[in-house]
Amino acid sequence: MSRHFATAAIVQAAPGYRELRIGIREQGQVDDVALIVVRPMHDTADVLAAFGWRLVGPLEYVAGPNEERAEVEPCEPADHGGAEALRNTVRREIRARALARLVHPDARHFHPVLYGGDHSADPIGWTFVTGSGDQRAHGWVTAAGRVADGVLNTIRAEAARSVRGAHMMQLKPIPAGEAAFDRLQEQTGPELARVLLIVRSGGDVPRDDEPAEEASAEDVEEAEGPFRKEDRIVCADGVTRIVEGMAPAVTGEPARVVVEGGSEWIAANCLRANFSDVLDAHRRSNAAGARIRTEPDPTNPEWRAALAKLGEALDYLRKADPTVRVALDEDDARDAVKRVHADACGFQPIHNPGEDEPVAWTFRTGHGAGSRYGVVTRTAEVSPVGLYEYPTTAERAYRQHEADLTR
């Protein structure tokens, strides 16, 4: 059985708001496989137990990053009332983020809103950013599942006041809200931690009310076409959009899917990316990866089949899951740098304002006083700006170089 490790830290997540974040990763892996986020007044061991993880040894405090680390192992989620309250905290955040993206597909930069200051038990809602440039605005969603629609706010503080107003008026959730929470009630502790990691990384939870088992994929495609209303899909341009329905069939023409806003895309060039699809791909990837690491033997047909399945799952996740897309691009970027600077390390992301995904990474080569910093781009090209004494100088040189190329 694979070993797992938990890292817990109290993070200043937004102005006036702190949270306890616990990431869980598999031995030998850099990325977390699960995430738990609650208010910082809870004991780390109790939080882990509520989501199906048990400490193997004591928590070790690490002074530099100011965090605790320990090996953990799966267990049955605790079933006492306090544990269920912690799970409900995560369920409300998952539902809020999912509903916000249902109404505003580009919702991002979520900030929690408290009712009684930093000592509040849980957020009563979240504000978020939608649009860009002159169309940038701030929306809101309550912990109860009510989402802002119509005209949004121009500043975040106004959106936060709207959250408090909706909370005091006890506004009911939008129609999809109650059904979403009911589905989340059926999720176990470990499953909730995996779902939270995905929604915090830009993914979404299923929005269809019918269980997937009630109809086969072939039946759905024959009756309604390859996509259904409210499916989340990745279009041919790489942008994720929400389906309105299938366009009327035209003899001799490929099937087309209609997305929000009315534009049509050739269905065969689109990729379904609902939460359930992404989660299933993660499961296939994990299972195939576990088989590949166990008794590796390239001459074994079963091992080769697992390798092929892993490749297929990662190809899908690169397109459908922003977290995996960034991780795989970073792997390619690291490989490109190490071909030029074998000792490259200390990779740190460079973001454009308002964008969640990095456009490049700085890296360090050398040690001590001889350390120098360069930049590698998202397309795995070592930037020609050279090496500098400080990472900030390397980043400025990179941005100036990119600006010069667009003139």
Protein backbone atom coordinates (compact mmCIF):
# COMPACT_ATOMS: atom_id res chain seq x y z
CA MET A 1 0.00 0.00 0.00
CA SER A 2 1.25 3.48 -0.85
CA ARG A 3 2.31 5.73 2.00
CA HIS A 4 0.65 9.13 2.40
CA PHE A 5 1.81 12.31 4.09
CA ALA A 6 -0.17 15.29 5.39
CA THR A 7 1.02 18.89 5.52
CA ALA A 8 -0.98 21.29 7.71
CA ALA A 9 -0.58 25.06 7.83
CA ILE A 10 -2.61 28.04 9.03
CA VAL A 11 -2.80 30.36 6.03
CA GLN A 12 -3.86 34.00 5.68
CA ALA A 13 -6.20 33.21 2.79
CA ALA A 14 -7.75 36.68 2.42
CA PRO A 15 -7.65 40.01 4.28
CA GLY A 16 -8.83 39.30 7.83
CA TYR A 17 -9.34 35.61 7.17
CA ARG A 18 -7.23 32.64 8.21
CA GLU A 19 -7.84 28.99 7.47
CA LEU A 20 -6.31 25.63 8.30
CA ARG A 21 -5.23 23.90 5.10
CA ILE A 22 -4.29 20.24 5.15
CA GLY A 23 -2.91 18.76 1.95
CA ILE A 24 -2.42 15.04 1.54
CA ARG A 25 0.00 13.59 -0.98
CA GLU A 26 1.20 10.14 -1.93
CA GLN A 27 4.82 9.19 -1.30
CA GLY A 28 7.00 10.11 -4.26
CA GLN A 29 4.47 12.58 -5.65
CA VAL A 30 4.70 16.38 -5.58
CA ASP A 31 1.01 17.22 -6.01
CA ASP A 32 -1.65 16.66 -3.38
CA VAL A 33 -4.33 14.04 -3.91
CA ALA A 34 -6.73 15.58 -1.38
CA LEU A 35 -7.30 18.89 0.39
CA ILE A 36 -9.12 19.77 3.61
CA VAL A 37 -9.82 23.40 4.53
CA VAL A 38 -11.53 24.48 7.75
CA ARG A 39 -11.24 27.30 10.26
CA PRO A 40 -8.01 27.29 12.32
CA MET A 41 -9.60 26.66 15.74
CA HIS A 42 -9.84 22.91 15.04
CA ASP A 43 -7.27 20.28 16.02
CA THR A 44 -5.40 18.86 13.02
CA ALA A 45 -5.76 15.24 14.12
CA ASP A 46 -9.54 15.65 14.61
CA VAL A 47 -9.89 17.24 11.19
CA LEU A 48 -7.97 14.43 9.52
CA ALA A 49 -10.12 11.82 11.32
CA ALA A 50 -13.31 13.49 10.07
CA PHE A 51 -12.14 12.97 6.50
CA GLY A 52 -10.87 9.42 6.85
CA TRP A 53 -7.19 9.89 7.70
CA ARG A 54 -5.31 8.80 10.82
CA LEU A 55 -1.90 9.99 12.04
CA VAL A 56 0.75 7.25 11.88
CA GLY A 57 3.20 9.24 14.02
CA PRO A 58 3.33 12.62 15.74
CA LEU A 59 3.01 15.87 13.83
CA GLU A 60 6.43 17.40 13.19
CA TYR A 61 6.66 21.20 13.18
CA VAL A 62 8.79 22.71 10.40
CA ALA A 63 9.84 26.25 11.28
CA GLY A 64 10.77 27.59 7.81
CA PRO A 65 7.41 27.20 6.06
CA ASN A 66 5.64 27.31 9.45
CA GLU A 67 3.73 24.07 8.97
CA GLU A 68 3.23 20.62 10.48
CA ARG A 69 3.91 17.35 8.68
CA ALA A 70 3.17 13.73 9.46
CA GLU A 71 2.61 10.39 7.81
CA VAL A 72 -1.06 9.41 7.65
CA GLU A 73 -3.04 6.34 6.69
CA PRO A 74 -6.65 5.83 5.53
CA CYS A 75 -9.28 4.98 8.13
CA GLU A 76 -13.04 5.07 8.51
CA PRO A 77 -14.19 8.71 8.80
CA ALA A 78 -15.13 9.68 12.36
CA ASP A 79 -18.91 9.60 12.84
CA HIS A 80 -19.44 11.94 15.81
CA GLY A 81 -21.33 15.21 15.47
CA GLY A 82 -18.25 17.40 15.36
CA ALA A 83 -16.84 15.39 12.46
CA GLU A 84 -20.04 15.75 10.47
CA ALA A 85 -19.99 19.50 11.11
CA LEU A 86 -16.48 19.66 9.63
CA ARG A 87 -17.61 17.70 6.58
CA ASN A 88 -20.58 20.06 6.17
CA THR A 89 -18.16 23.00 6.20
CA VAL A 90 -16.39 21.49 3.18
CA ARG A 91 -19.68 20.52 1.52
CA ARG A 92 -20.91 24.12 1.70
CA GLU A 93 -17.74 25.45 0.09
CA ILE A 94 -17.85 22.84 -2.67
CA ARG A 95 -21.50 23.66 -3.39
CA ALA A 96 -20.90 27.42 -3.31
CA ARG A 97 -18.01 27.31 -5.76
CA ALA A 98 -19.86 24.93 -8.08
CA LEU A 99 -23.05 27.02 -8.10
CA ALA A 100 -21.09 30.23 -8.64
CA ARG A 101 -19.46 28.70 -11.73
CA LEU A 102 -22.81 27.37 -12.89
CA VAL A 103 -24.18 30.93 -13.05
CA HIS A 104 -20.84 32.60 -13.89
CA PRO A 105 -18.56 30.05 -15.66
CA ASP A 106 -15.47 32.26 -15.34
CA ALA A 107 -15.86 32.85 -11.57
CA ARG A 108 -12.46 32.89 -9.85
CA HIS A 109 -10.51 34.41 -6.94
CA PHE A 110 -13.01 33.41 -4.25
CA HIS A 111 -12.77 35.31 -0.94
CA PRO A 112 -14.71 34.10 2.15
CA VAL A 113 -17.10 36.42 3.98
CA LEU A 114 -17.50 36.20 7.76
CA TYR A 115 -20.42 37.39 9.87
CA GLY A 116 -18.75 37.76 13.27
CA GLY A 117 -15.13 38.58 12.49
CA ASP A 118 -12.12 36.29 12.48
CA HIS A 119 -13.55 34.17 15.31
CA SER A 120 -16.52 33.04 13.22
CA ALA A 121 -16.86 29.30 12.86
CA ASP A 122 -17.48 29.21 9.09
CA PRO A 123 -17.89 31.64 6.18
CA ILE A 124 -21.45 32.74 5.42
CA GLY A 125 -20.53 33.08 1.76
CA TRP A 126 -17.88 34.02 -0.76
CA THR A 127 -17.21 36.86 -3.18
CA PHE A 128 -15.55 36.18 -6.52
CA VAL A 129 -14.28 37.89 -9.65
CA THR A 130 -15.84 37.48 -13.08
CA GLY A 131 -15.01 39.06 -16.43
CA SER A 132 -11.85 40.99 -17.28
CA GLY A 133 -10.78 44.48 -18.24
CA ASP A 134 -13.70 46.89 -18.36
CA GLN A 135 -16.08 43.95 -17.87
CA ARG A 136 -14.45 42.86 -14.59
CA ALA A 137 -16.97 42.64 -11.74
CA HIS A 138 -17.46 41.02 -8.34
CA GLY A 139 -20.15 38.45 -7.70
CA TRP A 140 -21.18 36.60 -4.58
CA VAL A 141 -22.58 33.28 -3.40
CA THR A 142 -23.85 32.39 0.06
CA ALA A 143 -23.00 29.28 2.04
CA ALA A 144 -26.70 28.42 1.75
CA GLY A 145 -26.45 28.30 -2.05
CA ARG A 146 -27.83 31.67 -3.21
CA VAL A 147 -25.88 33.16 -6.14
CA ALA A 148 -25.80 36.73 -7.42
CA ASP A 149 -27.36 37.22 -10.83
CA GLY A 150 -28.13 40.25 -12.93
CA VAL A 151 -25.92 43.31 -12.34
CA LEU A 152 -22.82 42.50 -10.29
CA ASN A 153 -20.83 44.77 -8.00
CA THR A 154 -17.95 46.98 -9.08
CA ILE A 155 -15.92 46.43 -5.89
CA ARG A 156 -15.50 43.39 -3.68
CA ALA A 157 -16.66 45.16 -0.50
CA GLU A 158 -20.08 45.76 -2.08
CA ALA A 159 -20.35 42.07 -2.98
CA ALA A 160 -19.46 41.16 0.62
CA ARG A 161 -22.28 43.40 1.88
CA SER A 162 -24.64 41.60 -0.48
CA VAL A 163 -23.57 38.28 1.06
CA ARG A 164 -24.33 39.56 4.56
CA GLY A 165 -27.69 40.92 3.41
CA ALA A 166 -28.65 37.63 1.78
CA HIS A 167 -27.55 35.76 4.91
CA MET A 168 -29.64 37.94 7.24
CA MET A 169 -32.67 37.68 4.95
CA GLN A 170 -32.16 33.88 4.83
CA LEU A 171 -32.53 33.83 1.06
CA LYS A 172 -33.15 30.34 -0.26
CA PRO A 173 -30.63 28.61 -2.55
CA ILE A 174 -31.08 28.62 -6.30
CA PRO A 175 -32.94 25.50 -7.56
CA ALA A 176 -29.76 23.53 -8.18
CA GLY A 177 -28.45 24.31 -4.70
CA GLU A 178 -30.49 21.92 -2.58
CA ALA A 179 -30.01 19.03 -4.99
CA ALA A 180 -26.26 19.66 -5.08
CA PHE A 181 -26.01 19.57 -1.29
CA ASP A 182 -28.10 16.40 -1.12
CA ARG A 183 -25.66 14.71 -3.49
CA LEU A 184 -22.70 15.92 -1.45
CA GLN A 185 -24.30 14.49 1.70
CA GLU A 186 -23.79 11.08 0.13
CA GLN A 187 -20.04 11.64 -0.28
CA THR A 188 -17.63 10.16 2.25
CA GLY A 189 -14.92 12.08 4.06
CA PRO A 190 -12.06 11.07 1.71
CA GLU A 191 -14.21 11.77 -1.34
CA LEU A 192 -15.05 15.27 -0.10
CA ALA A 193 -11.36 16.06 0.35
CA ARG A 194 -10.66 15.03 -3.25
CA VAL A 195 -13.61 17.06 -4.53
CA LEU A 196 -12.50 20.16 -2.60
CA LEU A 197 -9.04 19.93 -4.17
CA ILE A 198 -10.58 19.86 -7.63
CA VAL A 199 -13.06 22.73 -7.14
CA ARG A 200 -10.36 24.90 -5.55
CA SER A 201 -8.28 24.21 -8.65
CA GLY A 202 -11.02 25.36 -11.02
CA GLY A 203 -12.94 22.12 -11.49
CA ASP A 204 -16.64 21.60 -10.86
CA VAL A 205 -19.08 19.12 -9.33
CA PRO A 206 -21.78 17.30 -11.32
CA ARG A 207 -24.86 19.41 -11.98
CA ASP A 208 -27.14 16.78 -13.48
CA ASP A 209 -29.72 15.33 -11.10
CA GLU A 210 -29.90 11.87 -12.64
CA PRO A 211 -27.45 9.15 -11.61
CA ALA A 212 -25.05 8.24 -14.38
CA GLU A 213 -26.02 4.58 -14.04
CA GLU A 214 -29.60 5.15 -15.22
CA ALA A 215 -28.58 5.39 -18.87
CA SER A 216 -25.55 4.23 -20.76
CA ALA A 217 -23.35 6.66 -22.65
CA GLU A 218 -24.56 5.12 -25.91
CA ASP A 219 -28.23 5.63 -24.95
CA VAL A 220 -27.62 9.27 -24.03
CA GLU A 221 -25.73 9.99 -27.22
CA GLU A 222 -28.41 8.37 -29.36
CA ALA A 223 -31.25 10.24 -27.62
CA GLU A 224 -29.69 13.66 -27.06
CA GLY A 225 -26.43 13.77 -28.96
CA PRO A 226 -22.93 13.55 -27.48
CA PHE A 227 -23.55 16.41 -25.01
CA ARG A 228 -26.41 17.42 -22.74
CA LYS A 229 -27.56 20.82 -21.46
CA GLU A 230 -25.30 22.14 -18.67
CA ASP A 231 -22.45 19.79 -19.54
CA ARG A 232 -19.07 21.41 -19.06
CA ILE A 233 -16.97 20.92 -22.20
CA VAL A 234 -13.57 21.94 -23.52
CA CYS A 235 -14.01 23.37 -27.02
CA ALA A 236 -11.54 23.12 -29.88
CA ASP A 237 -9.87 26.41 -28.84
CA GLY A 238 -9.07 24.99 -25.40
CA VAL A 239 -11.65 27.15 -23.59
CA THR A 240 -14.11 25.51 -21.17
CA ARG A 241 -17.77 26.38 -21.82
CA ILE A 242 -21.24 25.30 -20.68
CA VAL A 243 -23.54 23.46 -23.11
CA GLU A 244 -26.96 24.88 -24.00
CA GLY A 245 -27.88 21.91 -26.22
CA MET A 246 -27.22 20.26 -29.54
CA ALA A 247 -27.82 22.21 -32.76
CA PRO A 248 -30.46 20.84 -35.18
CA ALA A 249 -28.99 18.10 -37.35
CA VAL A 250 -28.10 19.04 -40.93
CA THR A 251 -27.71 16.29 -43.52
CA GLY A 252 -24.09 15.90 -44.54
CA GLU A 253 -22.84 18.22 -41.80
CA PRO A 254 -21.07 17.15 -38.56
CA ALA A 255 -23.04 17.39 -35.31
CA ARG A 256 -22.65 20.72 -33.58
CA VAL A 257 -23.01 21.69 -29.93
CA VAL A 258 -24.45 25.05 -28.84
CA VAL A 259 -22.75 26.68 -25.83
CA GLU A 260 -23.68 29.64 -23.65
CA GLY A 261 -23.69 32.79 -25.74
CA GLY A 262 -25.06 30.95 -28.78
CA SER A 263 -21.84 29.95 -30.52
CA GLU A 264 -21.67 26.51 -32.14
CA TRP A 265 -18.77 24.06 -32.16
CA ILE A 266 -18.25 20.79 -33.97
CA ALA A 267 -19.12 18.22 -31.31
CA ALA A 268 -16.41 15.77 -32.37
CA ASN A 269 -13.78 18.43 -31.60
CA CYS A 270 -15.08 19.04 -28.05
CA LEU A 271 -14.31 17.18 -24.85
CA ARG A 272 -16.73 16.58 -21.96
CA ALA A 273 -15.19 17.91 -18.72
CA ASN A 274 -17.83 17.57 -16.02
CA PHE A 275 -16.51 16.99 -12.52
CA SER A 276 -17.48 13.33 -12.70
CA ASP A 277 -15.46 12.92 -15.93
CA VAL A 278 -12.40 14.60 -14.43
CA LEU A 279 -12.63 12.59 -11.21
CA ASP A 280 -12.98 9.34 -13.17
CA ALA A 281 -9.87 10.20 -15.18
CA HIS A 282 -7.97 10.86 -11.94
CA ARG A 283 -9.05 7.45 -10.67
CA ARG A 284 -7.89 5.75 -13.89
CA SER A 285 -4.61 7.63 -13.73
CA ASN A 286 -3.99 6.67 -10.09
CA ALA A 287 -4.82 3.01 -10.73
CA ALA A 288 -2.62 2.82 -13.82
CA GLY A 289 0.23 4.64 -12.06
CA ALA A 290 0.05 2.25 -9.11
CA ARG A 291 0.30 -0.73 -11.48
CA ILE A 292 3.25 0.78 -13.33
CA ARG A 293 5.17 1.35 -10.09
CA THR A 294 4.48 -2.22 -8.92
CA GLU A 295 6.93 -4.74 -10.38
CA PRO A 296 7.77 -2.71 -13.51
CA ASP A 297 8.28 -5.01 -16.49
CA PRO A 298 8.05 -3.57 -20.03
CA THR A 299 7.72 -7.11 -21.42
CA ASN A 300 4.55 -7.75 -19.40
CA PRO A 301 1.41 -7.10 -21.53
CA GLU A 302 -0.52 -6.04 -18.41
CA TRP A 303 2.18 -3.52 -17.50
CA ARG A 304 2.22 -2.11 -21.07
CA ALA A 305 -1.59 -1.84 -21.01
CA ALA A 306 -1.41 0.10 -17.74
CA LEU A 307 1.17 2.45 -19.27
CA ALA A 308 -1.14 3.08 -22.24
CA LYS A 309 -4.08 3.76 -19.90
CA LEU A 310 -1.98 6.21 -17.90
CA GLY A 311 -1.03 8.07 -21.07
CA GLU A 312 -4.66 8.29 -22.18
CA ALA A 313 -5.79 9.55 -18.77
CA LEU A 314 -3.05 12.20 -18.62
CA ASP A 315 -3.79 13.35 -22.18
CA TYR A 316 -7.40 13.90 -21.13
CA LEU A 317 -6.50 15.61 -17.85
CA ARG A 318 -4.06 17.94 -19.58
CA LYS A 319 -7.03 19.34 -21.51
CA ALA A 320 -9.79 19.07 -18.88
CA ASP A 321 -8.12 19.69 -15.51
CA PRO A 322 -6.26 23.01 -14.98
CA THR A 323 -4.24 21.57 -12.08
CA VAL A 324 -2.92 18.68 -14.16
CA ARG A 325 -2.38 20.90 -17.18
CA VAL A 326 -0.15 23.23 -15.15
CA ALA A 327 1.67 20.33 -13.48
CA LEU A 328 2.45 18.60 -16.78
CA ASP A 329 3.53 21.85 -18.39
CA GLU A 330 5.80 22.52 -15.41
CA ASP A 331 7.32 19.04 -15.78
CA ASP A 332 8.07 19.80 -19.44
CA ALA A 333 9.53 23.18 -18.46
CA ARG A 334 11.77 21.62 -15.80
CA ASP A 335 13.05 19.04 -18.29
CA ALA A 336 13.81 21.79 -20.82
CA VAL A 337 15.78 23.80 -18.25
CA LYS A 338 17.77 20.81 -16.99
CA ARG A 339 18.97 20.11 -20.51
CA VAL A 340 20.66 23.52 -20.37
CA HIS A 341 21.34 23.88 -16.62
CA ALA A 342 21.62 20.44 -15.04
CA ASP A 343 21.56 21.84 -11.48
CA ALA A 344 18.43 23.98 -11.98
CA CYS A 345 16.11 24.01 -8.96
CA GLY A 346 13.83 26.32 -6.93
CA PHE A 347 11.17 26.72 -9.63
CA GLN A 348 8.63 29.46 -8.81
CA PRO A 349 5.59 30.41 -10.95
CA ILE A 350 5.15 33.73 -12.75
CA HIS A 351 1.53 34.86 -13.15
CA ASN A 352 -0.01 37.58 -15.25
CA PRO A 353 -2.38 39.84 -13.26
CA GLY A 354 -5.83 38.26 -12.87
CA GLU A 355 -4.80 34.87 -14.26
CA ASP A 356 -4.76 31.68 -12.20
CA GLU A 357 -2.39 29.66 -14.38
CA PRO A 358 1.30 30.62 -14.61
CA VAL A 359 2.84 31.82 -17.85
CA ALA A 360 6.40 30.91 -16.87
CA TRP A 361 8.65 29.85 -13.99
CA THR A 362 11.83 31.30 -12.54
CA PHE A 363 14.58 28.85 -11.63
CA ARG A 364 17.88 28.93 -9.75
CA THR A 365 21.22 27.60 -10.90
CA GLY A 366 24.37 27.55 -8.83
CA HIS A 367 24.71 27.85 -5.03
CA GLY A 368 25.36 30.52 -2.43
CA ALA A 369 26.89 33.72 -3.75
CA GLY A 370 27.16 32.07 -7.15
CA SER A 371 23.40 31.56 -7.50
CA ARG A 372 21.80 32.98 -10.62
CA TYR A 373 18.19 33.03 -11.77
CA GLY A 374 16.57 32.53 -15.15
CA VAL A 375 13.11 31.99 -16.65
CA VAL A 376 11.51 29.11 -18.53
CA THR A 377 8.20 29.68 -20.32
CA ARG A 378 4.96 27.73 -20.22
CA THR A 379 5.87 26.31 -23.65
CA ALA A 380 9.09 24.81 -22.18
CA GLU A 381 11.43 27.35 -23.77
CA VAL A 382 14.31 28.72 -21.70
CA SER A 383 13.90 32.48 -22.02
CA PRO A 384 16.86 34.12 -23.82
CA VAL A 385 17.03 36.98 -21.29
CA GLY A 386 19.92 35.26 -19.49
CA LEU A 387 20.70 34.74 -15.80
CA TYR A 388 20.45 37.32 -13.03
CA GLU A 389 21.42 37.73 -9.39
CA TYR A 390 17.80 37.90 -8.21
CA PRO A 391 14.61 36.11 -9.37
CA THR A 392 12.71 39.41 -9.48
CA THR A 393 15.28 40.82 -11.90
CA ALA A 394 14.95 37.73 -14.10
CA GLU A 395 11.18 38.09 -14.10
CA ARG A 396 11.36 41.79 -15.06
CA ALA A 397 13.75 40.99 -17.89
CA TYR A 398 11.42 38.25 -19.11
CA ARG A 399 8.37 40.54 -19.05
CA GLN A 400 10.26 43.28 -20.87
CA HIS A 401 11.38 40.75 -23.51
CA GLU A 402 7.78 39.56 -24.00
CA ALA A 403 6.56 43.16 -24.26
CA ASP A 404 9.22 43.94 -26.90
CA LEU A 405 8.09 40.94 -28.98
CA THR A 406 4.51 42.27 -29.17
CA ARG A 407 5.49 45.72 -30.40
